[in-house]
Amino acid sequence: MTFGESIQTCFSKYADFSGRASRSEYWWWFLFALLATMATGIVSDKLSALFSLAVLLPGLAVGARRLHDIDKSGWLQLLFLIPLIGWIIILYWATREGVEPNRF
């Protein structure tokens, strides 16, 4: 999946927490959100906060779909609330290859 395709897919599945997302879709979305947040932060802090708020829901949705691809529940994103250890676990899972078959 290309950069543009993954952004288009994530915005078209804005609040779709079902299904699966490939590694490329997840990481291209992550790169887009990071770069766009940094770019809007250069312009204005308020604009950056507004953009971050706008991409929060599709970011959570693509994260849940990414976890589904490795046969994990999307609720495990809550591990982000545990500093360092939770972040490392989510990062490890996000880099794993999808499994076949799985529940999702």
C-alpha atoms as a PDB file:
ATOM      1  CA  MET A   1       0.000   0.000   0.000  1.00  0.00           C
ATOM      2  CA  THR A   2       1.367   3.411  -0.920  1.00  0.00           C
ATOM      3  CA  PHE A   3       1.463   6.567   1.190  1.00  0.00           C
ATOM      4  CA  GLY A   4      -1.530   8.148  -0.579  1.00  0.00           C
ATOM      5  CA  GLU A   5      -3.594   4.956  -0.573  1.00  0.00           C
ATOM      6  CA  SER A   6      -3.136   4.460   3.146  1.00  0.00           C
ATOM      7  CA  ILE A   7      -4.140   8.041   3.968  1.00  0.00           C
ATOM      8  CA  GLN A   8      -7.197   7.727   1.732  1.00  0.00           C
ATOM      9  CA  THR A   9      -8.106   4.373   3.305  1.00  0.00           C
ATOM     10  CA  CYS A  10      -7.745   5.681   6.846  1.00  0.00           C
ATOM     11  CA  PHE A  11      -9.916   8.718   6.146  1.00  0.00           C
ATOM     12  CA  SER A  12     -12.526   6.608   4.322  1.00  0.00           C
ATOM     13  CA  LYS A  13     -12.609   4.228   7.322  1.00  0.00           C
ATOM     14  CA  TYR A  14     -12.629   7.196   9.719  1.00  0.00           C
ATOM     15  CA  ALA A  15     -14.338   5.374  12.585  1.00  0.00           C
ATOM     16  CA  ASP A  16     -14.294   1.777  11.339  1.00  0.00           C
ATOM     17  CA  PHE A  17     -12.783  -0.365  14.068  1.00  0.00           C
ATOM     18  CA  SER A  18     -13.556  -3.665  12.339  1.00  0.00           C
ATOM     19  CA  GLY A  19     -11.415  -5.446   9.811  1.00  0.00           C
ATOM     20  CA  ARG A  20      -7.672  -5.462   9.402  1.00  0.00           C
ATOM     21  CA  ALA A  21      -4.922  -2.988   8.498  1.00  0.00           C
ATOM     22  CA  SER A  22      -1.597  -3.971   6.992  1.00  0.00           C
ATOM     23  CA  ARG A  23       1.709  -2.850   8.414  1.00  0.00           C
ATOM     24  CA  SER A  24       2.217  -0.438   5.528  1.00  0.00           C
ATOM     25  CA  GLU A  25      -1.205   1.140   6.034  1.00  0.00           C
ATOM     26  CA  TYR A  26      -0.541   1.677   9.745  1.00  0.00           C
ATOM     27  CA  TRP A  27       2.986   3.053   9.386  1.00  0.00           C
ATOM     28  CA  TRP A  28       2.181   5.323   6.447  1.00  0.00           C
ATOM     29  CA  TRP A  29      -0.709   6.752   8.480  1.00  0.00           C
ATOM     30  CA  PHE A  30       1.585   7.202  11.470  1.00  0.00           C
ATOM     31  CA  LEU A  31       4.136   9.061   9.301  1.00  0.00           C
ATOM     32  CA  PHE A  32       1.414  11.272   7.807  1.00  0.00           C
ATOM     33  CA  ALA A  33      -0.005  12.176  11.217  1.00  0.00           C
ATOM     34  CA  LEU A  34       3.446  12.875  12.657  1.00  0.00           C
ATOM     35  CA  LEU A  35       4.631  15.063   9.762  1.00  0.00           C
ATOM     36  CA  ALA A  36       1.333  16.939   9.453  1.00  0.00           C
ATOM     37  CA  THR A  37       1.235  17.607  13.192  1.00  0.00           C
ATOM     38  CA  MET A  38       4.787  18.934  13.097  1.00  0.00           C
ATOM     39  CA  ALA A  39       4.020  21.096  10.042  1.00  0.00           C
ATOM     40  CA  THR A  40       0.879  22.560  11.579  1.00  0.00           C
ATOM     41  CA  GLY A  41       2.812  23.105  14.814  1.00  0.00           C
ATOM     42  CA  ILE A  42       5.215  25.364  12.944  1.00  0.00           C
ATOM     43  CA  VAL A  43       2.273  27.470  11.774  1.00  0.00           C
ATOM     44  CA  SER A  44       0.314  27.560  15.025  1.00  0.00           C
ATOM     45  CA  ASP A  45       0.037  25.555  18.215  1.00  0.00           C
ATOM     46  CA  LYS A  46      -3.751  25.819  18.121  1.00  0.00           C
ATOM     47  CA  LEU A  47      -3.835  24.538  14.535  1.00  0.00           C
ATOM     48  CA  SER A  48      -1.589  21.628  15.522  1.00  0.00           C
ATOM     49  CA  ALA A  49      -3.871  20.743  18.439  1.00  0.00           C
ATOM     50  CA  LEU A  50      -6.926  20.947  16.183  1.00  0.00           C
ATOM     51  CA  PHE A  51      -5.308  18.706  13.565  1.00  0.00           C
ATOM     52  CA  SER A  52      -4.244  16.200  16.232  1.00  0.00           C
ATOM     53  CA  LEU A  53      -7.799  16.105  17.523  1.00  0.00           C
ATOM     54  CA  ALA A  54      -9.123  15.595  13.979  1.00  0.00           C
ATOM     55  CA  VAL A  55      -6.881  12.574  13.336  1.00  0.00           C
ATOM     56  CA  LEU A  56      -7.309  11.016  16.781  1.00  0.00           C
ATOM     57  CA  LEU A  57     -10.300   8.842  15.870  1.00  0.00           C
ATOM     58  CA  PRO A  58      -8.908   7.523  12.559  1.00  0.00           C
ATOM     59  CA  GLY A  59      -5.599   6.895  14.341  1.00  0.00           C
ATOM     60  CA  LEU A  60      -7.324   4.796  16.976  1.00  0.00           C
ATOM     61  CA  ALA A  61      -9.302   2.992  14.275  1.00  0.00           C
ATOM     62  CA  VAL A  62      -6.231   2.090  12.206  1.00  0.00           C
ATOM     63  CA  GLY A  63      -4.469   1.018  15.412  1.00  0.00           C
ATOM     64  CA  ALA A  64      -7.336  -1.310  16.285  1.00  0.00           C
ATOM     65  CA  ARG A  65      -7.386  -2.727  12.758  1.00  0.00           C
ATOM     66  CA  ARG A  66      -3.597  -3.228  12.923  1.00  0.00           C
ATOM     67  CA  LEU A  67      -3.971  -5.203  16.157  1.00  0.00           C
ATOM     68  CA  HIS A  68      -6.734  -7.243  14.535  1.00  0.00           C
ATOM     69  CA  ASP A  69      -4.280  -8.169  11.767  1.00  0.00           C
ATOM     70  CA  ILE A  70      -2.056  -9.893  14.334  1.00  0.00           C
ATOM     71  CA  ASP A  71      -5.063 -11.513  16.036  1.00  0.00           C
ATOM     72  CA  LYS A  72      -5.207  -9.167  19.040  1.00  0.00           C
ATOM     73  CA  SER A  73      -8.106  -7.137  20.388  1.00  0.00           C
ATOM     74  CA  GLY A  74      -8.195  -3.439  19.530  1.00  0.00           C
ATOM     75  CA  TRP A  75      -8.753  -2.702  23.207  1.00  0.00           C
ATOM     76  CA  LEU A  76      -5.107  -3.565  23.815  1.00  0.00           C
ATOM     77  CA  GLN A  77      -4.308  -0.065  22.561  1.00  0.00           C
ATOM     78  CA  LEU A  78      -5.012   0.962  26.131  1.00  0.00           C
ATOM     79  CA  LEU A  79      -1.513  -0.317  26.896  1.00  0.00           C
ATOM     80  CA  PHE A  80      -0.376   3.100  25.614  1.00  0.00           C
ATOM     81  CA  LEU A  81      -1.514   4.406  28.991  1.00  0.00           C
ATOM     82  CA  ILE A  82       1.333   2.470  30.656  1.00  0.00           C
ATOM     83  CA  PRO A  83       4.473   4.543  30.139  1.00  0.00           C
ATOM     84  CA  LEU A  84       7.422   2.898  28.410  1.00  0.00           C
ATOM     85  CA  ILE A  85       6.478  -0.780  28.906  1.00  0.00           C
ATOM     86  CA  GLY A  86       3.089  -0.386  27.199  1.00  0.00           C
ATOM     87  CA  TRP A  87       4.644   1.669  24.386  1.00  0.00           C
ATOM     88  CA  ILE A  88       7.292  -0.991  23.757  1.00  0.00           C
ATOM     89  CA  ILE A  89       4.677  -3.748  23.625  1.00  0.00           C
ATOM     90  CA  ILE A  90       2.476  -1.807  21.167  1.00  0.00           C
ATOM     91  CA  LEU A  91       5.506  -0.937  19.023  1.00  0.00           C
ATOM     92  CA  TYR A  92       6.515  -4.605  18.906  1.00  0.00           C
ATOM     93  CA  TRP A  93       3.008  -5.677  17.913  1.00  0.00           C
ATOM     94  CA  ALA A  94       2.733  -2.944  15.262  1.00  0.00           C
ATOM     95  CA  THR A  95       5.869  -4.252  13.535  1.00  0.00           C
ATOM     96  CA  ARG A  96       4.787  -7.895  13.465  1.00  0.00           C
ATOM     97  CA  GLU A  97       3.526  -9.531  10.303  1.00  0.00           C
ATOM     98  CA  GLY A  98      -0.182 -10.366  10.116  1.00  0.00           C
ATOM     99  CA  VAL A  99      -1.325 -13.900  10.890  1.00  0.00           C
ATOM    100  CA  GLU A 100      -3.659 -16.140   8.941  1.00  0.00           C
ATOM    101  CA  PRO A 101      -6.251 -17.260   9.943  1.00  0.00           C
ATOM    102  CA  ASN A 102      -7.383 -15.062  12.775  1.00  0.00           C
ATOM    103  CA  ARG A 103     -10.606 -14.049  14.522  1.00  0.00           C
ATOM    104  CA  PHE A 104     -10.939 -10.743  12.687  1.00  0.00           C
END
